[in-house]
Protein backbone atom coordinates (compact mmCIF):
# COMPACT_ATOMS: atom_id res chain seq x y z
CA MET A 1 -33.07 -7.66 54.69
CA GLN A 2 -33.43 -6.52 51.10
CA ARG A 3 -33.17 -10.15 49.94
CA VAL A 4 -35.88 -11.24 52.39
CA SER A 5 -38.16 -8.46 51.17
CA SER A 6 -37.48 -9.42 47.55
CA ASN A 7 -38.29 -13.06 48.25
CA TRP A 8 -41.51 -12.09 50.06
CA PHE A 9 -42.63 -9.85 47.18
CA ASP A 10 -41.88 -12.60 44.69
CA ARG A 11 -43.65 -15.29 46.73
CA ILE A 12 -46.74 -13.23 47.63
CA VAL A 13 -47.32 -10.82 44.74
CA LEU A 14 -45.43 -11.92 41.62
CA ASP A 15 -46.29 -15.58 42.14
CA LEU A 16 -50.00 -14.74 42.02
CA GLY A 17 -49.46 -12.98 38.71
CA ARG A 18 -47.55 -16.00 37.36
CA GLN A 19 -50.50 -18.21 38.24
CA LEU A 20 -52.88 -16.06 36.21
CA ARG A 21 -54.24 -18.04 33.24
CA LEU A 22 -56.02 -16.74 30.16
CA SER A 23 -59.05 -18.82 31.12
CA TYR A 24 -59.41 -16.77 34.30
CA LEU A 25 -59.99 -13.50 32.43
CA PRO A 26 -63.72 -13.84 31.50
CA PRO A 27 -65.05 -14.12 35.06
CA LEU A 28 -62.50 -11.56 36.22
CA MET A 29 -63.91 -9.04 33.74
CA ILE A 30 -67.41 -9.55 35.17
CA TYR A 31 -66.05 -9.13 38.70
CA ALA A 32 -64.19 -6.00 37.61
CA ALA A 33 -67.46 -4.57 36.29
CA ALA A 34 -68.95 -5.08 39.75
CA GLY A 35 -66.04 -3.15 41.24
CA ILE A 36 -66.49 -0.30 38.77
CA GLN A 37 -69.99 0.33 40.11
CA GLY A 38 -68.30 2.31 42.91
CA LEU A 39 -67.82 5.09 40.34
CA THR A 40 -71.27 6.49 41.17
CA ALA A 41 -71.19 5.95 44.96
CA ILE A 42 -69.89 9.42 45.92
CA VAL A 43 -72.28 11.15 43.52
CA GLY A 44 -75.10 9.14 45.06
CA THR A 45 -74.12 10.24 48.59
CA PHE A 46 -74.09 13.94 47.70
CA PHE A 47 -77.22 13.67 45.54
CA VAL A 48 -79.17 12.24 48.47
CA LYS A 49 -77.76 14.81 50.91
CA ASP A 50 -78.27 17.87 48.67
CA TYR A 51 -81.35 17.04 46.59
CA LEU A 52 -83.48 14.53 48.56
CA GLY A 53 -85.03 14.79 52.01
CA LEU A 54 -84.55 11.14 52.96
CA SER A 55 -83.62 10.36 56.56
CA ALA A 56 -80.75 8.15 57.72
CA GLU A 57 -83.30 5.63 59.02
CA PHE A 58 -85.07 5.52 55.61
CA LEU A 59 -81.75 5.06 53.80
CA ALA A 60 -80.83 2.18 56.12
CA ALA A 61 -84.20 0.56 55.36
CA LEU A 62 -83.65 1.14 51.65
CA GLY A 63 -80.26 -0.53 52.05
CA PHE A 64 -82.04 -3.58 53.45
CA TRP A 65 -84.26 -3.89 50.34
CA ALA A 66 -81.29 -3.21 48.04
CA MET A 67 -79.37 -6.14 49.64
CA LEU A 68 -82.30 -8.54 49.36
CA PRO A 69 -81.87 -9.32 45.62
CA TRP A 70 -78.57 -10.97 46.52
CA SER A 71 -80.65 -13.64 48.25
CA LEU A 72 -82.03 -14.44 44.76
CA LYS A 73 -78.70 -16.17 44.09
CA MET A 74 -80.45 -19.36 45.22
CA PRO A 75 -82.81 -19.84 42.23
CA LEU A 76 -80.37 -18.10 39.86
CA GLY A 77 -77.51 -20.38 40.90
CA HIS A 78 -79.59 -23.49 40.34
CA LEU A 79 -80.80 -22.00 37.05
CA VAL A 80 -77.18 -21.63 35.94
CA ASP A 81 -76.56 -25.30 36.73
CA LEU A 82 -79.67 -26.25 34.71
CA ILE A 83 -78.87 -24.08 31.67
CA TRP A 84 -75.08 -24.31 31.99
CA ARG A 85 -74.50 -24.17 28.23
CA TRP A 86 -76.60 -20.98 27.89
CA LYS A 87 -75.71 -19.23 31.12
CA ALA A 88 -74.14 -16.25 29.28
CA ILE A 89 -77.67 -15.07 28.47
CA LEU A 90 -78.08 -14.05 32.11
CA VAL A 91 -75.08 -11.69 31.84
CA TYR A 92 -76.81 -9.86 28.99
CA LEU A 93 -79.97 -9.62 31.10
CA GLY A 94 -78.00 -8.23 34.03
CA ALA A 95 -76.29 -5.71 31.78
CA GLY A 96 -79.67 -4.45 30.64
CA LEU A 97 -80.89 -3.99 34.22
CA ILE A 98 -77.72 -2.13 35.21
CA ALA A 99 -77.99 0.16 32.17
CA ALA A 100 -81.62 0.90 32.98
CA SER A 101 -80.72 1.89 36.57
CA LEU A 102 -77.90 4.20 35.38
CA LEU A 103 -80.14 5.84 32.76
CA MET A 104 -82.72 6.62 35.45
CA MET A 105 -80.13 8.41 37.53
CA LEU A 106 -78.87 10.25 34.44
CA GLY A 107 -82.45 11.43 33.86
CA LEU A 108 -82.81 12.60 37.47
CA LEU A 109 -79.63 14.65 37.17
CA SER A 110 -80.01 16.05 33.66
CA ARG A 111 -83.82 16.32 33.27
CA PRO A 112 -85.32 16.31 36.78
CA ASP A 113 -88.49 18.21 35.79
CA ALA A 114 -89.32 15.74 33.03
CA MET A 115 -88.73 12.80 35.37
CA ALA A 116 -90.77 14.43 38.16
CA SER A 117 -93.73 14.84 35.76
CA LEU A 118 -93.92 11.06 35.49
CA MET A 119 -93.15 10.05 39.09
CA PRO A 120 -91.73 11.76 42.24
CA ILE A 121 -87.95 12.17 42.22
CA GLU A 122 -87.62 10.12 45.43
CA SER A 123 -89.56 7.25 43.84
CA TRP A 124 -87.29 7.28 40.78
CA PHE A 125 -84.27 7.18 43.08
CA VAL A 126 -85.63 4.25 45.09
CA PHE A 127 -86.51 2.36 41.88
CA SER A 128 -83.00 2.92 40.52
CA VAL A 129 -81.37 1.77 43.78
CA LEU A 130 -83.43 -1.44 43.81
CA LEU A 131 -82.97 -2.21 40.11
CA ALA A 132 -79.17 -2.11 40.02
CA PRO A 133 -78.58 -4.98 42.52
CA LEU A 134 -80.79 -7.25 40.41
CA GLY A 135 -78.44 -6.74 37.48
CA TYR A 136 -75.29 -7.23 39.51
CA VAL A 137 -76.54 -10.36 41.26
CA VAL A 138 -77.51 -12.00 37.94
CA GLN A 139 -74.03 -11.35 36.57
CA ASP A 140 -72.32 -12.40 39.79
CA VAL A 141 -74.02 -15.81 39.78
CA VAL A 142 -72.71 -16.51 36.27
CA ALA A 143 -69.23 -15.22 37.18
CA ASP A 144 -69.11 -17.58 40.17
CA ALA A 145 -69.96 -20.51 37.89
CA MET A 146 -67.39 -19.38 35.32
CA THR A 147 -64.64 -19.49 37.99
CA VAL A 148 -65.24 -23.23 38.31
CA GLU A 149 -64.87 -23.98 34.59
CA ALA A 150 -61.91 -21.56 34.37
CA VAL A 151 -59.80 -24.01 36.38
CA PRO A 152 -58.74 -26.91 34.12
CA THR A 153 -58.96 -30.56 35.12
CA LEU A 154 -56.33 -31.79 32.65
CA ASP A 155 -52.84 -30.42 31.97
CA GLU A 156 -51.38 -29.70 28.52
CA GLN A 157 -50.56 -33.40 28.01
CA GLY A 158 -54.10 -34.49 28.86
CA GLN A 159 -53.15 -35.87 32.31
CA PRO A 160 -55.41 -35.19 35.35
CA ILE A 161 -54.21 -32.34 37.58
CA ASP A 162 -53.72 -33.59 41.15
CA ALA A 163 -56.20 -32.53 43.85
CA GLU A 164 -53.80 -30.34 45.83
CA GLN A 165 -52.75 -28.35 42.76
CA ARG A 166 -56.39 -27.86 41.80
CA ARG A 167 -57.16 -26.61 45.32
CA LEU A 168 -54.39 -24.03 45.02
CA MET A 169 -55.67 -23.04 41.59
CA HIS A 170 -59.17 -22.51 42.98
CA THR A 171 -57.75 -20.40 45.83
CA THR A 172 -55.85 -18.35 43.28
CA MET A 173 -58.94 -17.95 41.10
CA GLN A 174 -61.05 -16.73 44.06
CA THR A 175 -58.25 -14.41 45.22
CA LEU A 176 -57.97 -12.92 41.73
CA GLY A 177 -61.77 -12.50 41.72
CA ARG A 178 -61.59 -10.32 44.84
CA VAL A 179 -58.59 -8.50 43.32
CA ALA A 180 -60.61 -7.77 40.19
CA ILE A 181 -63.52 -6.35 42.21
CA ILE A 182 -61.26 -4.19 44.38
CA GLY A 183 -59.06 -3.29 41.42
CA GLY A 184 -62.14 -1.93 39.66
CA GLY A 185 -62.81 0.12 42.80
CA VAL A 186 -59.26 1.50 42.76
CA ALA A 187 -59.58 2.52 39.12
CA VAL A 188 -62.84 4.42 39.59
CA ALA A 189 -61.60 6.00 42.84
CA LEU A 190 -58.65 7.41 40.89
CA LEU A 191 -61.08 8.67 38.24
CA ASN A 192 -63.26 10.31 40.89
CA VAL A 193 -60.21 12.07 42.46
CA TRP A 194 -59.39 13.53 39.04
CA LEU A 195 -62.98 14.49 38.16
CA PHE A 196 -63.46 16.26 41.52
CA ARG A 197 -60.01 17.92 41.48
CA ASP A 198 -61.47 21.46 41.35
CA VAL A 199 -64.58 20.83 43.42
CA GLY A 200 -63.74 23.69 45.80
CA ALA A 201 -64.05 26.17 42.92
CA MET A 202 -67.16 24.62 41.39
CA ASP A 203 -70.56 26.20 41.67
CA GLN A 204 -73.67 24.02 41.93
CA ALA A 205 -74.15 23.93 38.14
CA ALA A 206 -70.53 22.76 37.58
CA GLN A 207 -70.91 20.08 40.26
CA LEU A 208 -74.12 18.88 38.63
CA ALA A 209 -72.36 18.68 35.22
CA THR A 210 -69.62 16.56 36.81
CA TYR A 211 -72.26 14.25 38.34
CA ILE A 212 -73.83 13.80 34.89
CA ASP A 213 -70.45 12.99 33.30
CA ILE A 214 -69.78 10.36 35.97
CA PHE A 215 -73.06 8.57 35.38
CA ALA A 216 -72.49 8.73 31.61
CA LEU A 217 -69.07 7.06 32.13
CA ALA A 218 -70.73 4.42 34.32
CA LEU A 219 -72.59 3.13 31.25
CA LEU A 220 -69.30 1.37 30.42
CA ILE A 221 -69.99 -1.06 33.30
CA PRO A 222 -72.38 -3.32 31.32
CA VAL A 223 -70.05 -3.11 28.33
CA VAL A 224 -67.16 -4.57 30.42
CA SER A 225 -69.24 -7.51 31.73
CA VAL A 226 -70.66 -8.37 28.28
CA SER A 227 -67.10 -8.29 26.86
CA GLY A 228 -66.14 -10.86 29.48
CA VAL A 229 -68.86 -13.22 28.29
CA VAL A 230 -67.80 -12.81 24.64
CA LEU A 231 -64.18 -13.58 25.51
CA GLY A 232 -65.33 -16.55 27.63
CA SER A 233 -67.22 -18.03 24.68
CA LEU A 234 -64.15 -17.79 22.45
CA LEU A 235 -61.83 -19.35 25.04
CA LYS A 236 -64.33 -22.10 25.81
CA ARG A 237 -64.53 -23.05 22.16
CA ARG A 238 -60.73 -23.21 22.00
CA GLU A 239 -60.52 -25.39 25.14
CA LEU A 240 -63.19 -27.76 23.75
CA ASN A 241 -61.16 -28.22 20.57
CA ARG A 242 -58.04 -28.96 22.64
CA LEU A 243 -59.81 -31.51 24.82
CA ARG A 244 -61.38 -33.27 21.81
CA ALA A 245 -57.99 -33.38 20.09
CA LEU A 246 -56.59 -35.13 23.18
CA GLY A 247 -59.48 -37.60 23.17
CA ALA A 248 -60.71 -36.33 26.53
CA THR A 249 -64.40 -36.61 25.69
CA GLU A 250 -65.47 -36.83 29.33
CA ALA A 251 -63.70 -33.61 30.23
CA ALA A 252 -65.18 -31.91 27.15
CA ALA A 253 -68.68 -33.02 28.19
CA ARG A 254 -68.05 -31.72 31.72
CA LEU A 255 -67.03 -28.33 30.31
CA VAL A 256 -70.19 -28.09 28.20
CA GLN A 257 -72.67 -29.45 30.74
CA GLY A 258 -70.99 -28.45 34.02
CA GLY A 259 -70.63 -32.11 35.06
CA THR A 260 -70.39 -35.60 33.70
CA GLU A 261 -74.16 -35.69 33.41
CA PRO A 262 -76.78 -32.94 33.10
CA THR A 263 -78.07 -31.42 36.34
CA LYS A 264 -81.61 -32.44 37.18
CA PRO A 265 -84.03 -29.81 38.55
CA ASN A 266 -84.15 -29.90 42.33
CA PRO A 267 -87.78 -29.40 43.35
CA TRP A 268 -86.79 -28.32 46.86
CA ILE A 269 -84.56 -25.55 45.59
CA LEU A 270 -87.00 -24.41 42.90
CA GLY A 271 -90.01 -24.63 45.23
CA GLY A 272 -88.23 -22.99 48.12
CA SER A 273 -86.93 -20.22 45.88
CA LEU A 274 -90.38 -19.61 44.42
CA ALA A 275 -91.78 -19.44 47.97
CA PHE A 276 -89.01 -16.99 48.90
CA VAL A 277 -89.74 -14.66 45.95
CA LEU A 278 -93.53 -14.75 46.41
CA PHE A 279 -93.22 -14.28 50.16
CA THR A 280 -90.87 -11.31 49.74
CA LEU A 281 -93.06 -9.62 47.13
CA ALA A 282 -96.28 -10.15 49.07
CA VAL A 283 -94.93 -8.79 52.33
CA GLY A 284 -92.66 -6.16 50.81
CA LEU A 285 -95.27 -4.62 48.49
CA GLY A 286 -98.11 -4.98 50.99
CA ASP A 287 -98.73 -2.46 53.73
CA VAL A 288 -97.66 -4.88 56.44
CA PRO A 289 -96.23 -3.57 59.75
CA ASN A 290 -92.60 -4.59 60.30
CA ASN A 291 -92.47 -5.97 56.77
CA LYS A 292 -88.66 -5.79 56.62
CA GLU A 293 -88.32 -7.90 59.74
CA ILE A 294 -90.91 -10.39 58.52
CA VAL A 295 -89.15 -10.68 55.15
CA PHE A 296 -85.77 -11.17 56.80
CA ILE A 297 -86.96 -13.89 59.18
CA GLY A 298 -88.90 -15.65 56.44
CA SER A 299 -85.97 -15.38 54.01
CA LEU A 300 -83.52 -16.71 56.60
CA GLY A 301 -85.83 -19.65 57.32
CA ILE A 302 -86.19 -20.52 53.64
CA VAL A 303 -82.47 -20.20 52.92
CA SER A 304 -81.61 -22.24 56.03
CA PHE A 305 -84.00 -24.99 54.86
CA LEU A 306 -82.33 -25.06 51.42
CA ILE A 307 -78.91 -25.26 53.04
CA TRP A 308 -80.12 -28.21 55.09
CA ARG A 309 -81.24 -29.93 51.87
CA LEU A 310 -77.90 -29.21 50.16
CA LEU A 311 -75.87 -30.47 53.11
CA ARG A 312 -77.24 -33.91 52.34
CA GLU A 313 -75.11 -33.84 49.15
CA LEU A 314 -71.96 -33.68 51.34
CA THR A 315 -70.36 -36.04 53.80
CA PRO A 316 -71.34 -35.35 57.44
CA GLU A 317 -67.87 -33.96 58.21
CA ALA A 318 -67.87 -31.68 55.16
CA GLY A 319 -71.38 -30.52 56.06
CA ARG A 320 -70.31 -29.54 59.59
CA VAL A 321 -67.34 -27.61 58.15
CA LEU A 322 -69.50 -25.71 55.68
CA LEU A 323 -72.21 -24.89 58.22
CA GLY A 324 -69.77 -23.77 60.92
CA THR A 325 -67.90 -21.60 58.43
CA ALA A 326 -71.11 -20.00 57.15
CA ILE A 327 -72.37 -19.16 60.66
CA VAL A 328 -69.14 -17.41 61.69
CA ILE A 329 -69.00 -15.38 58.45
CA PHE A 330 -72.72 -14.59 58.68
CA VAL A 331 -72.34 -13.00 62.13
CA PHE A 332 -69.15 -11.16 61.15
CA ARG A 333 -70.92 -9.63 58.16
CA ALA A 334 -74.12 -8.87 60.12
CA VAL A 335 -72.49 -6.27 62.38
CA PRO A 336 -74.38 -2.96 61.87
CA SER A 337 -72.74 0.24 60.71
CA PRO A 338 -73.33 3.87 61.88
CA GLY A 339 -75.22 4.54 58.65
CA ALA A 340 -75.40 7.66 56.46
CA GLY A 341 -75.35 10.01 59.46
CA ASN A 342 -71.63 9.45 60.02
CA THR A 343 -70.83 10.51 56.44
CA TRP A 344 -73.14 13.54 56.72
CA TRP A 345 -71.29 14.60 59.90
CA MET A 346 -67.91 14.30 58.16
CA ILE A 347 -69.20 16.46 55.29
CA ASP A 348 -70.84 19.12 57.50
CA ASP A 349 -68.58 19.32 60.57
CA LEU A 350 -65.20 18.15 59.25
CA GLY A 351 -65.58 19.76 55.83
CA PHE A 352 -64.90 16.62 53.79
CA ASP A 353 -65.77 17.40 50.13
CA GLN A 354 -66.29 15.18 47.09
CA GLN A 355 -62.62 15.05 46.19
CA PHE A 356 -61.43 14.11 49.68
CA ILE A 357 -64.07 11.42 50.00
CA SER A 358 -62.82 10.19 46.60
CA VAL A 359 -59.32 10.09 48.07
CA LEU A 360 -60.62 8.07 51.02
CA SER A 361 -62.27 5.66 48.59
CA LEU A 362 -59.01 5.39 46.64
CA VAL A 363 -56.98 4.71 49.79
CA GLY A 364 -59.50 2.16 51.03
CA SER A 365 -59.68 0.29 47.75
CA SER A 366 -55.88 0.33 47.32
CA MET A 367 -55.30 -1.02 50.83
CA ALA A 368 -57.95 -3.70 50.31
CA LEU A 369 -56.18 -4.71 47.13
CA ALA A 370 -52.85 -4.83 48.94
CA ALA A 371 -54.44 -6.94 51.67
CA MET A 372 -55.34 -9.62 49.10
CA PHE A 373 -51.61 -10.12 48.60
CA ILE A 374 -50.38 -9.47 52.13
CA PHE A 375 -52.88 -11.86 53.75
CA ARG A 376 -52.77 -14.47 50.99
CA ARG A 377 -50.56 -16.92 52.89
CA PHE A 378 -52.30 -16.08 56.14
CA MET A 379 -55.64 -17.08 54.61
CA ALA A 380 -54.18 -20.29 53.17
CA ASP A 381 -52.53 -21.35 56.44
CA HIS A 382 -55.24 -20.50 59.02
CA SER A 383 -58.83 -21.48 59.66
CA ILE A 384 -61.78 -19.17 59.16
CA VAL A 385 -62.23 -18.93 62.94
CA THR A 386 -58.71 -17.67 63.38
CA ILE A 387 -59.08 -15.22 60.51
CA ILE A 388 -62.40 -13.81 61.83
CA ALA A 389 -61.04 -13.50 65.37
CA PHE A 390 -58.00 -11.59 64.07
CA LEU A 391 -60.14 -9.31 61.88
CA THR A 392 -62.63 -8.64 64.69
CA ILE A 393 -59.95 -7.46 67.12
CA LEU A 394 -58.30 -5.38 64.43
CA SER A 395 -61.60 -3.84 63.34
CA THR A 396 -62.45 -2.87 66.96
CA LEU A 397 -59.10 -1.17 67.43
CA LEU A 398 -59.46 0.68 64.15
CA SER A 399 -62.89 2.05 65.19
CA LEU A 400 -61.15 4.21 67.80
CA PRO A 401 -59.80 6.90 65.40
CA ASN A 402 -63.33 7.58 64.13
CA LEU A 403 -64.53 7.98 67.70
CA ALA A 404 -61.57 10.25 68.45
CA LEU A 405 -62.54 12.47 65.53
CA TYR A 406 -66.07 12.87 66.92
CA TYR A 407 -64.77 13.98 70.32
CA GLY A 408 -62.37 16.51 68.79
CA PHE A 409 -59.04 14.70 69.09
CA HIS A 410 -58.00 16.13 65.72
CA GLU A 411 -58.18 19.67 67.13
CA TRP A 412 -55.67 18.78 69.89
CA SER A 413 -53.44 16.74 67.52
CA ALA A 414 -53.37 19.47 64.87
CA ALA A 415 -52.44 22.09 67.49
CA HIS A 416 -49.48 19.96 68.65
CA THR A 417 -48.19 18.82 65.21
CA ALA A 418 -48.23 22.13 63.32
CA GLY A 419 -51.48 21.14 61.62
CA ILE A 420 -50.16 17.90 60.17
CA VAL A 421 -52.23 15.39 62.15
CA ASP A 422 -55.59 16.98 61.45
CA ALA A 423 -59.01 15.42 60.74
CA ARG A 424 -58.14 14.50 57.18
CA PHE A 425 -54.81 12.91 58.19
CA ILE A 426 -56.53 10.77 60.85
CA ALA A 427 -59.33 9.80 58.43
CA LEU A 428 -56.79 8.75 55.77
CA ILE A 429 -54.79 6.57 58.18
CA ASP A 430 -57.96 5.02 59.63
CA THR A 431 -59.37 4.26 56.17
CA ALA A 432 -56.04 2.78 55.01
CA LEU A 433 -55.92 0.36 57.93
CA GLU A 434 -59.61 -0.54 58.32
CA SER A 435 -60.88 -0.92 54.73
CA PRO A 436 -59.23 -4.28 53.83
CA LEU A 437 -60.74 -6.22 56.69
CA GLY A 438 -64.11 -7.12 55.24
CA GLN A 439 -62.66 -8.37 51.95
CA VAL A 440 -60.32 -10.96 53.49
CA ALA A 441 -62.89 -13.17 55.22
CA MET A 442 -64.81 -14.42 52.16
CA ILE A 443 -61.91 -15.85 50.12
CA PRO A 444 -61.29 -19.08 52.08
CA MET A 445 -64.97 -19.98 52.05
CA LEU A 446 -65.31 -19.34 48.30
CA ALA A 447 -62.24 -21.46 47.62
CA TRP A 448 -63.57 -24.25 49.85
CA ILE A 449 -66.87 -24.33 47.94
CA ALA A 450 -65.13 -24.29 44.55
CA ASN A 451 -62.91 -27.18 45.55
CA SER A 452 -65.26 -29.31 47.68
CA ALA A 453 -68.84 -28.90 46.42
CA PRO A 454 -70.25 -31.63 44.12
CA ALA A 455 -69.25 -31.04 40.50
CA HIS A 456 -72.83 -30.89 39.18
CA LEU A 457 -73.97 -28.44 41.86
CA LYS A 458 -71.11 -25.92 42.00
CA ALA A 459 -73.19 -22.87 41.00
CA THR A 460 -76.01 -23.94 43.31
CA PHE A 461 -73.67 -24.24 46.29
CA PHE A 462 -72.08 -20.88 45.50
CA ALA A 463 -75.49 -19.28 45.21
CA VAL A 464 -77.14 -20.75 48.30
CA MET A 465 -74.19 -20.09 50.59
CA ALA A 466 -73.79 -16.60 49.14
CA SER A 467 -77.51 -15.99 49.76
CA PHE A 468 -77.01 -16.98 53.37
CA THR A 469 -73.98 -14.76 53.94
CA ASN A 470 -75.53 -11.88 51.97
CA LEU A 471 -78.59 -12.05 54.18
CA ALA A 472 -76.13 -11.11 56.90
CA LEU A 473 -75.67 -7.74 55.17
CA SER A 474 -79.47 -7.32 55.23
CA ALA A 475 -79.39 -8.13 58.94
CA GLY A 476 -76.69 -5.50 59.32
CA GLN A 477 -78.87 -2.96 57.55
CA LEU A 478 -81.75 -3.80 59.90
CA GLY A 479 -79.42 -3.31 62.83
CA THR A 480 -78.31 0.00 61.36
CA LYS A 481 -81.95 1.08 61.08
CA TYR A 482 -82.63 0.18 64.72
CA LEU A 483 -79.56 2.06 65.91
CA ASN A 484 -80.60 5.12 63.91
CA GLN A 485 -84.00 4.93 65.57
CA LEU A 486 -82.33 4.69 68.98
CA TYR A 487 -79.81 7.44 68.28
CA ALA A 488 -81.36 10.01 65.93
CA VAL A 489 -78.83 11.66 63.63
CA THR A 490 -80.09 14.27 61.13
CA ARG A 491 -78.48 16.62 58.59
CA GLU A 492 -79.99 19.97 57.62
CA VAL A 493 -82.78 19.74 55.05
CA ARG A 494 -84.04 22.83 53.23
CA VAL A 495 -87.18 23.18 51.15
CA ASP A 496 -87.40 26.40 49.10
CA GLY A 497 -84.69 27.91 51.24
CA VAL A 498 -86.45 27.15 54.52
CA VAL A 499 -84.88 24.75 57.03
CA THR A 500 -87.40 21.95 57.61
CA VAL A 501 -85.04 19.58 59.44
CA PRO A 502 -82.12 21.00 61.48
CA ALA A 503 -78.74 19.28 61.66
CA ASP A 504 -78.30 17.30 64.89
CA TYR A 505 -75.28 15.09 65.43
CA SER A 506 -75.38 15.10 69.27
CA GLU A 507 -76.15 11.36 69.49
CA LEU A 508 -73.58 10.25 66.90
CA GLY A 509 -71.01 9.50 69.63
CA TRP A 510 -73.26 6.96 71.36
CA LEU A 511 -74.05 5.45 67.95
CA LEU A 512 -70.34 4.95 67.23
CA TRP A 513 -69.67 3.41 70.66
CA THR A 514 -72.58 0.98 70.26
CA VAL A 515 -71.46 -0.10 66.76
CA MET A 516 -67.92 -0.71 68.04
CA ALA A 517 -69.16 -2.82 70.97
CA LEU A 518 -71.42 -4.94 68.74
CA GLY A 519 -68.59 -5.42 66.27
CA LEU A 520 -66.46 -6.97 69.02
CA VAL A 521 -69.04 -9.05 70.90
CA LEU A 522 -71.11 -10.60 68.09
CA PRO A 523 -68.32 -12.32 66.08
CA PHE A 524 -66.68 -13.76 69.19
CA ALA A 525 -70.06 -15.06 70.37
CA ALA A 526 -70.38 -16.89 67.01
CA ILE A 527 -66.84 -18.30 67.29
CA ILE A 528 -67.47 -19.58 70.80
CA PHE A 529 -70.72 -21.21 69.63
CA VAL A 530 -68.99 -23.05 66.78
CA ARG A 531 -66.12 -24.12 69.07
CA LEU A 532 -68.46 -25.51 71.70
CA SER A 533 -70.73 -27.28 69.23
CA ARG A 534 -70.02 -30.24 66.91
CA LEU A 535 -69.55 -27.78 64.02
CA ARG A 536 -66.21 -27.06 62.42
CA SER A 537 -64.81 -24.33 60.16
CA ALA A 538 -62.77 -24.34 56.97
């Protein structure tokens, strides 16, 4: 038994480490920076709850707008293909946007009166929330493109690497990318646990000082991503010298230009992307009723049109595979969540403080990281449909502990286990089992694009398909907003010591039941549709 376990660990975990190449590090550093952004998530949750009077419905709507910049991966991805040699500039731009967002939050925490004299605190917060995703999406587009050039086409002797080995290398690269993102989350979760270690003894001033320290530390995020670009430039120069020494001029040109010949501007992508941006700004900034719904439907239509244009670059069979895969993943990611009200209830009724929520974040990130290794062979050996079906059933089952907490199961279990199986114990176990699920589904699709998309349009394919699947998260935020309208959940809001909004979690149970039902029905409906149609999945 010990030998079997040792072989499994070597084959699943250590083998992935052995496949790590120096050329993989630059995009992994940018992905790690994206994972580190979770450092400020807990502070943001408590800042909103304690200092702002924003409702769960408003926060869900804000989440919709915050997700929308990820749909800009379309024009940015094509831009990367067009300016392949100079794509690192976009990482510097993204780093500046991220730093600006963090500095705004630092100002709100350390000098709120000065900030309020220029603009309302709530407006600063909204501006900061919307600015950060722009920075991260710009950097993510470049990182996606860098994963393609990180995988070599020639071995050390200058001989072409066979197609199957390159496919495995692309899968490894994409797996390591998810590991870097989640690994960054694990690191900052550990840091949050340590920073909030004495939160029970902190007064409000001490908590505020800790919040300020956390946002100051977060300014390292853009430093990490920029360092990845600098390292990438050095490694690329070394690889170019190696290829030229081998006489592989075609491979060297492909590394510089992103293909054997420069990418030509695609008027459909550029025009459609411009229409998308102008449409979003006009409707979003205008006082238009149901503007979020209008923007979502319009964005989905434009992205779908661009996908249709890109599918013409593939064979009919490959196009059906890509489309079927995208639809299944879209619906899986579009399942709504309970929203902020569920977290508020855990804080108010279950007594979860900043440190314990940091522990939950640490457990969730650690288990997601472990899942990258545990499910690695499972992802390689099964289709997307099988993976999504498995994750859907598992996710539904793992929604039950959260429901049990709401109906007081922890009170009964604690009374019969000498206080061991209490609310915190159940929340830890539930988080440990449920958190990895969403991370697993994207890896096979990313690997398929990296391996199968046309060489001169890798970044464009990454961007357009990512825009489509990221729109699913916007759809999920819209669904969350509707559910919070249907089932009103409020936490207590005080203004000058007077309760203006009372806490009311009476409808949270129905909200949780509805989310669980939708999470089971919607993905299987998409799977049945793909199975019955001419579409296929990767």
